[in-house]
Amino acid sequence: MGWRSVMISRPAKLRREHFSLAIEQEQTAFVPFEDIAIIVLNHREIQLTHPVLSACADYG
């Protein structure tokens, strides 16, 4: 069960890298999908890849 809340409020690109969510902004941050409880996207310029959406569905 996840315990992290991920809130993104600046332009970013989200992609899947192995078993983690990669958040690309000025730097790249990695968060394991199994740790994520909720993702809040609060900006118009956030790009998601299909594998990110699939991983969110797989991990609940």
PDB file of N, CA and C in Angstrom:
ATOM      1  N   MET A   1       0.838  -1.184   0.000  1.00  0.00           N
ATOM      2  CA  MET A   1       0.000   0.000   0.000  1.00  0.00           C
ATOM      3  C   MET A   1       0.878   1.240   0.000  1.00  0.00           C
ATOM      4  N   GLY A   2       0.536   2.189  -0.847  1.00  0.00           N
ATOM      5  CA  GLY A   2       1.317   3.413  -0.960  1.00  0.00           C
ATOM      6  C   GLY A   2       1.123   4.345   0.222  1.00  0.00           C
ATOM      7  N   TRP A   3       2.093   5.193   0.431  1.00  0.00           N
ATOM      8  CA  TRP A   3       2.021   6.153   1.529  1.00  0.00           C
ATOM      9  C   TRP A   3       2.435   7.559   1.102  1.00  0.00           C
ATOM     10  N   ARG A   4       2.967   7.698  -0.116  1.00  0.00           N
ATOM     11  CA  ARG A   4       3.423   9.016  -0.579  1.00  0.00           C
ATOM     12  C   ARG A   4       2.357   9.718  -1.401  1.00  0.00           C
ATOM     13  N   SER A   5       2.262  11.015  -1.210  1.00  0.00           N
ATOM     14  CA  SER A   5       1.434  11.865  -2.066  1.00  0.00           C
ATOM     15  C   SER A   5       2.386  12.638  -2.964  1.00  0.00           C
ATOM     16  N   VAL A   6       2.175  12.550  -4.267  1.00  0.00           N
ATOM     17  CA  VAL A   6       3.022  13.254  -5.233  1.00  0.00           C
ATOM     18  C   VAL A   6       2.188  14.375  -5.830  1.00  0.00           C
ATOM     19  N   MET A   7       2.630  15.623  -5.627  1.00  0.00           N
ATOM     20  CA  MET A   7       1.927  16.778  -6.189  1.00  0.00           C
ATOM     21  C   MET A   7       2.876  17.502  -7.128  1.00  0.00           C
ATOM     22  N   ILE A   8       2.433  17.693  -8.366  1.00  0.00           N
ATOM     23  CA  ILE A   8       3.258  18.356  -9.369  1.00  0.00           C
ATOM     24  C   ILE A   8       2.518  19.602  -9.821  1.00  0.00           C
ATOM     25  N   SER A   9       3.135  20.765  -9.619  1.00  0.00           N
ATOM     26  CA  SER A   9       2.481  22.027  -9.961  1.00  0.00           C
ATOM     27  C   SER A   9       3.348  22.901 -10.864  1.00  0.00           C
ATOM     28  N   ARG A  10       4.316  22.285 -11.527  1.00  0.00           N
ATOM     29  CA  ARG A  10       5.144  22.978 -12.515  1.00  0.00           C
ATOM     30  C   ARG A  10       5.249  22.088 -13.745  1.00  0.00           C
ATOM     31  N   PRO A  11       5.628  22.647 -14.901  1.00  0.00           N
ATOM     32  CA  PRO A  11       5.773  21.810 -16.097  1.00  0.00           C
ATOM     33  C   PRO A  11       6.724  20.638 -15.833  1.00  0.00           C
ATOM     34  N   ALA A  12       6.325  19.455 -16.302  1.00  0.00           N
ATOM     35  CA  ALA A  12       7.129  18.259 -16.071  1.00  0.00           C
ATOM     36  C   ALA A  12       6.783  17.205 -17.109  1.00  0.00           C
ATOM     37  N   LYS A  13       7.691  16.253 -17.246  1.00  0.00           N
ATOM     38  CA  LYS A  13       7.425  15.077 -18.065  1.00  0.00           C
ATOM     39  C   LYS A  13       7.513  13.868 -17.140  1.00  0.00           C
ATOM     40  N   LEU A  14       6.457  13.067 -17.136  1.00  0.00           N
ATOM     41  CA  LEU A  14       6.413  11.874 -16.296  1.00  0.00           C
ATOM     42  C   LEU A  14       6.597  10.655 -17.180  1.00  0.00           C
ATOM     43  N   ARG A  15       7.532   9.795 -16.791  1.00  0.00           N
ATOM     44  CA  ARG A  15       7.766   8.567 -17.541  1.00  0.00           C
ATOM     45  C   ARG A  15       8.040   7.432 -16.559  1.00  0.00           C
ATOM     46  N   ARG A  16       7.928   6.218 -17.076  1.00  0.00           N
ATOM     47  CA  ARG A  16       8.197   5.043 -16.251  1.00  0.00           C
ATOM     48  C   ARG A  16       9.626   4.587 -16.507  1.00  0.00           C
ATOM     49  N   GLU A  17      10.345   4.369 -15.438  1.00  0.00           N
ATOM     50  CA  GLU A  17      11.694   3.821 -15.556  1.00  0.00           C
ATOM     51  C   GLU A  17      11.800   2.666 -14.579  1.00  0.00           C
ATOM     52  N   HIS A  18      11.832   1.464 -15.117  1.00  0.00           N
ATOM     53  CA  HIS A  18      11.809   0.226 -14.346  1.00  0.00           C
ATOM     54  C   HIS A  18      10.557   0.208 -13.465  1.00  0.00           C
ATOM     55  N   PHE A  19      10.689   0.233 -12.172  1.00  0.00           N
ATOM     56  CA  PHE A  19       9.528   0.179 -11.277  1.00  0.00           C
ATOM     57  C   PHE A  19       9.280   1.515 -10.593  1.00  0.00           C
ATOM     58  N   SER A  20       9.768   2.596 -11.209  1.00  0.00           N
ATOM     59  CA  SER A  20       9.657   3.919 -10.600  1.00  0.00           C
ATOM     60  C   SER A  20       9.041   4.933 -11.544  1.00  0.00           C
ATOM     61  N   LEU A  21       8.428   5.945 -10.955  1.00  0.00           N
ATOM     62  CA  LEU A  21       7.945   7.103 -11.690  1.00  0.00           C
ATOM     63  C   LEU A  21       9.098   8.094 -11.775  1.00  0.00           C
ATOM     64  N   ALA A  22       9.484   8.461 -12.990  1.00  0.00           N
ATOM     65  CA  ALA A  22      10.531   9.459 -13.196  1.00  0.00           C
ATOM     66  C   ALA A  22       9.853  10.791 -13.480  1.00  0.00           C
ATOM     67  N   ILE A  23      10.181  11.799 -12.700  1.00  0.00           N
ATOM     68  CA  ILE A  23       9.607  13.135 -12.848  1.00  0.00           C
ATOM     69  C   ILE A  23      10.719  14.048 -13.345  1.00  0.00           C
ATOM     70  N   GLU A  24      10.632  14.432 -14.616  1.00  0.00           N
ATOM     71  CA  GLU A  24      11.671  15.266 -15.223  1.00  0.00           C
ATOM     72  C   GLU A  24      11.259  16.728 -15.178  1.00  0.00           C
ATOM     73  N   GLN A  25      12.049  17.521 -14.461  1.00  0.00           N
ATOM     74  CA  GLN A  25      11.904  18.980 -14.440  1.00  0.00           C
ATOM     75  C   GLN A  25      13.315  19.520 -14.641  1.00  0.00           C
ATOM     76  N   GLU A  26      13.800  20.447 -13.813  1.00  0.00           N
ATOM     77  CA  GLU A  26      15.197  20.865 -13.922  1.00  0.00           C
ATOM     78  C   GLU A  26      16.108  19.675 -13.630  1.00  0.00           C
ATOM     79  N   GLN A  27      15.701  18.854 -12.686  1.00  0.00           N
ATOM     80  CA  GLN A  27      16.386  17.611 -12.354  1.00  0.00           C
ATOM     81  C   GLN A  27      15.359  16.494 -12.438  1.00  0.00           C
ATOM     82  N   THR A  28      15.825  15.267 -12.418  1.00  0.00           N
ATOM     83  CA  THR A  28      14.920  14.125 -12.476  1.00  0.00           C
ATOM     84  C   THR A  28      14.830  13.478 -11.099  1.00  0.00           C
ATOM     85  N   ALA A  29      13.604  13.283 -10.638  1.00  0.00           N
ATOM     86  CA  ALA A  29      13.354  12.608  -9.359  1.00  0.00           C
ATOM     87  C   ALA A  29      12.682  11.271  -9.643  1.00  0.00           C
ATOM     88  N   PHE A  30      12.966  10.287  -8.820  1.00  0.00           N
ATOM     89  CA  PHE A  30      12.397   8.952  -8.983  1.00  0.00           C
ATOM     90  C   PHE A  30      11.624   8.572  -7.726  1.00  0.00           C
ATOM     91  N   VAL A  31      10.404   8.059  -7.931  1.00  0.00           N
ATOM     92  CA  VAL A  31       9.567   7.601  -6.823  1.00  0.00           C
ATOM     93  C   VAL A  31       9.063   6.209  -7.189  1.00  0.00           C
ATOM     94  N   PRO A  32       9.313   5.193  -6.361  1.00  0.00           N
ATOM     95  CA  PRO A  32       8.798   3.858  -6.662  1.00  0.00           C
ATOM     96  C   PRO A  32       7.266   3.863  -6.725  1.00  0.00           C
ATOM     97  N   PHE A  33       6.714   3.213  -7.753  1.00  0.00           N
ATOM     98  CA  PHE A  33       5.257   3.170  -7.901  1.00  0.00           C
ATOM     99  C   PHE A  33       4.582   2.532  -6.690  1.00  0.00           C
ATOM    100  N   GLU A  34       5.221   1.556  -6.071  1.00  0.00           N
ATOM    101  CA  GLU A  34       4.590   0.880  -4.934  1.00  0.00           C
ATOM    102  C   GLU A  34       4.456   1.794  -3.716  1.00  0.00           C
ATOM    103  N   ASP A  35       5.210   2.909  -3.680  1.00  0.00           N
ATOM    104  CA  ASP A  35       5.127   3.849  -2.556  1.00  0.00           C
ATOM    105  C   ASP A  35       4.071   4.932  -2.758  1.00  0.00           C
ATOM    106  N   ILE A  36       3.524   5.058  -3.967  1.00  0.00           N
ATOM    107  CA  ILE A  36       2.637   6.175  -4.290  1.00  0.00           C
ATOM    108  C   ILE A  36       1.188   5.844  -3.925  1.00  0.00           C
ATOM    109  N   ALA A  37       0.578   6.715  -3.120  1.00  0.00           N
ATOM    110  CA  ALA A  37      -0.842   6.585  -2.781  1.00  0.00           C
ATOM    111  C   ALA A  37      -1.690   7.447  -3.707  1.00  0.00           C
ATOM    112  N   ILE A  38      -1.208   8.649  -4.035  1.00  0.00           N
ATOM    113  CA  ILE A  38      -1.976   9.575  -4.864  1.00  0.00           C
ATOM    114  C   ILE A  38      -1.015  10.454  -5.661  1.00  0.00           C
ATOM    115  N   ILE A  39      -1.424  10.790  -6.893  1.00  0.00           N
ATOM    116  CA  ILE A  39      -0.680  11.729  -7.732  1.00  0.00           C
ATOM    117  C   ILE A  39      -1.630  12.864  -8.092  1.00  0.00           C
ATOM    118  N   VAL A  40      -1.227  14.100  -7.787  1.00  0.00           N
ATOM    119  CA  VAL A  40      -2.017  15.286  -8.116  1.00  0.00           C
ATOM    120  C   VAL A  40      -1.260  16.061  -9.187  1.00  0.00           C
ATOM    121  N   LEU A  41      -1.893  16.265 -10.339  1.00  0.00           N
ATOM    122  CA  LEU A  41      -1.293  17.021 -11.440  1.00  0.00           C
ATOM    123  C   LEU A  41      -1.990  18.367 -11.511  1.00  0.00           C
ATOM    124  N   ASN A  42      -1.255  19.435 -11.222  1.00  0.00           N
ATOM    125  CA  ASN A  42      -1.857  20.756 -11.093  1.00  0.00           C
ATOM    126  C   ASN A  42      -1.184  21.763 -12.025  1.00  0.00           C
ATOM    127  N   HIS A  43      -1.012  21.388 -13.292  1.00  0.00           N
ATOM    128  CA  HIS A  43      -0.432  22.292 -14.281  1.00  0.00           C
ATOM    129  C   HIS A  43      -0.803  21.782 -15.667  1.00  0.00           C
ATOM    130  N   ARG A  44      -0.971  22.700 -16.605  1.00  0.00           N
ATOM    131  CA  ARG A  44      -1.367  22.311 -17.964  1.00  0.00           C
ATOM    132  C   ARG A  44      -0.239  21.685 -18.771  1.00  0.00           C
ATOM    133  N   GLU A  45       0.998  21.957 -18.429  1.00  0.00           N
ATOM    134  CA  GLU A  45       2.132  21.500 -19.225  1.00  0.00           C
ATOM    135  C   GLU A  45       2.823  20.286 -18.614  1.00  0.00           C
ATOM    136  N   ILE A  46       2.035  19.317 -18.194  1.00  0.00           N
ATOM    137  CA  ILE A  46       2.570  18.064 -17.676  1.00  0.00           C
ATOM    138  C   ILE A  46       2.291  16.985 -18.714  1.00  0.00           C
ATOM    139  N   GLN A  47       3.350  16.291 -19.113  1.00  0.00           N
ATOM    140  CA  GLN A  47       3.229  15.233 -20.111  1.00  0.00           C
ATOM    141  C   GLN A  47       3.314  13.875 -19.419  1.00  0.00           C
ATOM    142  N   LEU A  48       2.402  12.991 -19.795  1.00  0.00           N
ATOM    143  CA  LEU A  48       2.382  11.626 -19.261  1.00  0.00           C
ATOM    144  C   LEU A  48       2.601  10.651 -20.403  1.00  0.00           C
ATOM    145  N   THR A  49       3.334   9.598 -20.145  1.00  0.00           N
ATOM    146  CA  THR A  49       3.459   8.546 -21.146  1.00  0.00           C
ATOM    147  C   THR A  49       2.442   7.447 -20.833  1.00  0.00           C
ATOM    148  N   HIS A  50       2.131   6.667 -21.828  1.00  0.00           N
ATOM    149  CA  HIS A  50       1.189   5.562 -21.643  1.00  0.00           C
ATOM    150  C   HIS A  50       1.682   4.568 -20.587  1.00  0.00           C
ATOM    151  N   PRO A  51       2.972   4.210 -20.564  1.00  0.00           N
ATOM    152  CA  PRO A  51       3.433   3.297 -19.506  1.00  0.00           C
ATOM    153  C   PRO A  51       3.219   3.832 -18.084  1.00  0.00           C
ATOM    154  N   VAL A  52       3.226   5.144 -17.898  1.00  0.00           N
ATOM    155  CA  VAL A  52       2.943   5.710 -16.570  1.00  0.00           C
ATOM    156  C   VAL A  52       1.495   5.430 -16.192  1.00  0.00           C
ATOM    157  N   LEU A  53       0.582   5.665 -17.117  1.00  0.00           N
ATOM    158  CA  LEU A  53      -0.832   5.400 -16.831  1.00  0.00           C
ATOM    159  C   LEU A  53      -1.071   3.919 -16.566  1.00  0.00           C
ATOM    160  N   SER A  54      -0.416   3.051 -17.328  1.00  0.00           N
ATOM    161  CA  SER A  54      -0.556   1.607 -17.119  1.00  0.00           C
ATOM    162  C   SER A  54      -0.023   1.193 -15.747  1.00  0.00           C
ATOM    163  N   ALA A  55       1.118   1.754 -15.361  1.00  0.00           N
ATOM    164  CA  ALA A  55       1.694   1.423 -14.050  1.00  0.00           C
ATOM    165  C   ALA A  55       0.790   1.908 -12.924  1.00  0.00           C
ATOM    166  N   CYS A  56       0.183   3.075 -13.083  1.00  0.00           N
ATOM    167  CA  CYS A  56      -0.752   3.573 -12.063  1.00  0.00           C
ATOM    168  C   CYS A  56      -1.933   2.619 -11.916  1.00  0.00           C
ATOM    169  N   ALA A  57      -2.424   2.106 -13.023  1.00  0.00           N
ATOM    170  CA  ALA A  57      -3.532   1.150 -12.971  1.00  0.00           C
ATOM    171  C   ALA A  57      -3.085  -0.168 -12.331  1.00  0.00           C
ATOM    172  N   ASP A  58      -1.875  -0.619 -12.647  1.00  0.00           N
ATOM    173  CA  ASP A  58      -1.366  -1.878 -12.099  1.00  0.00           C
ATOM    174  C   ASP A  58      -1.137  -1.803 -10.589  1.00  0.00           C
ATOM    175  N   TYR A  59      -0.599  -0.690 -10.133  1.00  0.00           N
ATOM    176  CA  TYR A  59      -0.262  -0.551  -8.715  1.00  0.00           C
ATOM    177  C   TYR A  59      -1.422  -0.021  -7.875  1.00  0.00           C
ATOM    178  N   GLY A  60      -2.504   0.378  -8.548  1.00  0.00           N
ATOM    179  CA  GLY A  60      -3.697   0.826  -7.829  1.00  0.00           C
ATOM    180  C   GLY A  60      -3.589   2.246  -7.415  1.00  0.00           C
TER     181      GLY A  60
END
